[in-house]
């Protein structure tokens, strides 16, 4: 399955989860326990999946007409120096979060 298809699936799943969350929130307004939290989790995950899918589709559409820019971005993403800097930043962020 192509990356484009995954983005479409993520977008559709995000919309469905958000809609399910809003329906659950409306129908079970006075619920307790897990049903009090489930609508908000569905809305949050749905919005995240929708945003991720739409971001992928929009970035692919923006880069479709400029192959030079697409090649430059691919080179920057695979550059060893950028990967090392990214891993170092992740490590420092993890160490800080342990204390927080």
C-alpha atoms as a PDB file:
ATOM      1  CA  UNK A   1       0.000   0.000   0.000  1.00  0.00           C
ATOM      2  CA  UNK A   2       1.395   3.379  -0.935  1.00  0.00           C
ATOM      3  CA  UNK A   3       2.098   6.183   1.535  1.00  0.00           C
ATOM      4  CA  UNK A   4      -0.705   8.193  -0.061  1.00  0.00           C
ATOM      5  CA  UNK A   5      -3.225   5.493   0.773  1.00  0.00           C
ATOM      6  CA  UNK A   6      -2.061   5.405   4.394  1.00  0.00           C
ATOM      7  CA  UNK A   7      -2.639   9.146   4.672  1.00  0.00           C
ATOM      8  CA  UNK A   8      -6.163   8.805   3.304  1.00  0.00           C
ATOM      9  CA  UNK A   9      -6.888   5.947   5.726  1.00  0.00           C
ATOM     10  CA  UNK A  10      -5.507   7.970   8.665  1.00  0.00           C
ATOM     11  CA  UNK A  11      -7.665  10.940   7.703  1.00  0.00           C
ATOM     12  CA  UNK A  12     -10.840   8.870   7.390  1.00  0.00           C
ATOM     13  CA  UNK A  13     -10.178   6.989  10.641  1.00  0.00           C
ATOM     14  CA  UNK A  14      -9.534  10.307  12.382  1.00  0.00           C
ATOM     15  CA  UNK A  15     -12.824  11.749  11.197  1.00  0.00           C
ATOM     16  CA  UNK A  16     -14.691   8.596  12.250  1.00  0.00           C
ATOM     17  CA  UNK A  17     -13.096   8.501  15.703  1.00  0.00           C
ATOM     18  CA  UNK A  18     -13.817  12.173  16.323  1.00  0.00           C
ATOM     19  CA  UNK A  19     -17.424  11.701  15.216  1.00  0.00           C
ATOM     20  CA  UNK A  20     -17.814   8.648  17.471  1.00  0.00           C
ATOM     21  CA  UNK A  21     -16.368  10.648  20.339  1.00  0.00           C
ATOM     22  CA  UNK A  22     -18.831  13.494  19.831  1.00  0.00           C
ATOM     23  CA  UNK A  23     -21.759  11.061  19.580  1.00  0.00           C
ATOM     24  CA  UNK A  24     -20.675   9.300  22.780  1.00  0.00           C
ATOM     25  CA  UNK A  25     -20.239  12.642  24.520  1.00  0.00           C
ATOM     26  CA  UNK A  26     -23.713  13.739  23.498  1.00  0.00           C
ATOM     27  CA  UNK A  27     -25.460  10.445  24.276  1.00  0.00           C
ATOM     28  CA  UNK A  28     -23.750   9.564  27.578  1.00  0.00           C
ATOM     29  CA  UNK A  29     -23.381  13.002  29.139  1.00  0.00           C
ATOM     30  CA  UNK A  30     -23.941  11.803  32.721  1.00  0.00           C
ATOM     31  CA  UNK A  31     -21.843   8.634  32.563  1.00  0.00           C
ATOM     32  CA  UNK A  32     -19.246   7.489  35.078  1.00  0.00           C
ATOM     33  CA  UNK A  33     -16.063   5.439  34.987  1.00  0.00           C
ATOM     34  CA  UNK A  34     -14.592   4.558  31.632  1.00  0.00           C
ATOM     35  CA  UNK A  35     -17.530   5.941  29.674  1.00  0.00           C
ATOM     36  CA  UNK A  36     -16.848   9.383  31.140  1.00  0.00           C
ATOM     37  CA  UNK A  37     -13.355   9.398  29.598  1.00  0.00           C
ATOM     38  CA  UNK A  38     -13.864   7.387  26.390  1.00  0.00           C
ATOM     39  CA  UNK A  39     -15.476  10.183  24.332  1.00  0.00           C
ATOM     40  CA  UNK A  40     -12.588  12.535  25.048  1.00  0.00           C
ATOM     41  CA  UNK A  41     -10.020   9.877  24.182  1.00  0.00           C
ATOM     42  CA  UNK A  42     -11.803   9.172  20.890  1.00  0.00           C
ATOM     43  CA  UNK A  43     -11.927  12.879  20.061  1.00  0.00           C
ATOM     44  CA  UNK A  44      -8.237  13.361  20.890  1.00  0.00           C
ATOM     45  CA  UNK A  45      -6.988  10.343  18.964  1.00  0.00           C
ATOM     46  CA  UNK A  46      -9.312  11.153  16.069  1.00  0.00           C
ATOM     47  CA  UNK A  47      -8.082  14.737  15.815  1.00  0.00           C
ATOM     48  CA  UNK A  48      -4.476  13.541  15.968  1.00  0.00           C
ATOM     49  CA  UNK A  49      -4.979  10.937  13.245  1.00  0.00           C
ATOM     50  CA  UNK A  50      -6.854  13.440  11.081  1.00  0.00           C
ATOM     51  CA  UNK A  51      -4.103  16.030  11.451  1.00  0.00           C
ATOM     52  CA  UNK A  52      -1.361  13.519  10.701  1.00  0.00           C
ATOM     53  CA  UNK A  53      -3.121  12.217   7.589  1.00  0.00           C
ATOM     54  CA  UNK A  54      -3.967  15.669   6.250  1.00  0.00           C
ATOM     55  CA  UNK A  55      -0.437  16.883   6.932  1.00  0.00           C
ATOM     56  CA  UNK A  56       0.988  14.048   4.880  1.00  0.00           C
ATOM     57  CA  UNK A  57      -1.399  14.657   2.007  1.00  0.00           C
ATOM     58  CA  UNK A  58      -0.792  18.415   1.974  1.00  0.00           C
ATOM     59  CA  UNK A  59       2.997  18.085   2.144  1.00  0.00           C
ATOM     60  CA  UNK A  60       2.976  15.562  -0.697  1.00  0.00           C
ATOM     61  CA  UNK A  61       0.787  17.899  -2.771  1.00  0.00           C
ATOM     62  CA  UNK A  62       3.095  20.850  -2.073  1.00  0.00           C
ATOM     63  CA  UNK A  63       6.207  18.892  -3.069  1.00  0.00           C
ATOM     64  CA  UNK A  64       4.653  17.277  -6.142  1.00  0.00           C
ATOM     65  CA  UNK A  65       5.444  20.199  -8.439  1.00  0.00           C
ATOM     66  CA  UNK A  66       9.018  20.794  -7.250  1.00  0.00           C
ATOM     67  CA  UNK A  67      11.236  17.683  -7.481  1.00  0.00           C
ATOM     68  CA  UNK A  68      14.348  19.725  -6.619  1.00  0.00           C
ATOM     69  CA  UNK A  69      12.926  20.728  -3.248  1.00  0.00           C
ATOM     70  CA  UNK A  70      11.741  17.173  -2.635  1.00  0.00           C
ATOM     71  CA  UNK A  71      15.216  15.796  -3.307  1.00  0.00           C
ATOM     72  CA  UNK A  72      16.800  18.431  -1.032  1.00  0.00           C
ATOM     73  CA  UNK A  73      14.434  17.571   1.836  1.00  0.00           C
ATOM     74  CA  UNK A  74      15.161  13.857   1.393  1.00  0.00           C
ATOM     75  CA  UNK A  75      18.908  14.515   1.557  1.00  0.00           C
ATOM     76  CA  UNK A  76      18.506  16.616   4.716  1.00  0.00           C
ATOM     77  CA  UNK A  77      16.414  13.952   6.417  1.00  0.00           C
ATOM     78  CA  UNK A  78      18.974  11.217   5.699  1.00  0.00           C
ATOM     79  CA  UNK A  79      22.052  13.281   6.617  1.00  0.00           C
ATOM     80  CA  UNK A  80      24.074  11.606   9.390  1.00  0.00           C
ATOM     81  CA  UNK A  81      24.760  14.878  11.191  1.00  0.00           C
ATOM     82  CA  UNK A  82      21.074  15.747  11.393  1.00  0.00           C
ATOM     83  CA  UNK A  83      20.264  12.242  12.645  1.00  0.00           C
ATOM     84  CA  UNK A  84      22.941  12.512  15.367  1.00  0.00           C
ATOM     85  CA  UNK A  85      21.643  15.931  16.466  1.00  0.00           C
ATOM     86  CA  UNK A  86      18.086  14.611  16.556  1.00  0.00           C
ATOM     87  CA  UNK A  87      19.064  11.575  18.638  1.00  0.00           C
ATOM     88  CA  UNK A  88      21.014  13.765  21.047  1.00  0.00           C
ATOM     89  CA  UNK A  89      18.035  16.094  21.474  1.00  0.00           C
ATOM     90  CA  UNK A  90      15.746  13.119  22.102  1.00  0.00           C
ATOM     91  CA  UNK A  91      18.140  11.800  24.732  1.00  0.00           C
ATOM     92  CA  UNK A  92      18.354  15.148  26.510  1.00  0.00           C
ATOM     93  CA  UNK A  93      14.574  15.576  26.429  1.00  0.00           C
ATOM     94  CA  UNK A  94      14.140  12.089  27.915  1.00  0.00           C
ATOM     95  CA  UNK A  95      16.633  12.828  30.690  1.00  0.00           C
ATOM     96  CA  UNK A  96      14.847  16.073  31.538  1.00  0.00           C
ATOM     97  CA  UNK A  97      11.449  14.351  31.582  1.00  0.00           C
ATOM     98  CA  UNK A  98      12.743  11.785  34.086  1.00  0.00           C
ATOM     99  CA  UNK A  99      13.274  14.543  36.619  1.00  0.00           C
ATOM    100  CA  UNK A 100      10.039  16.373  35.791  1.00  0.00           C
END
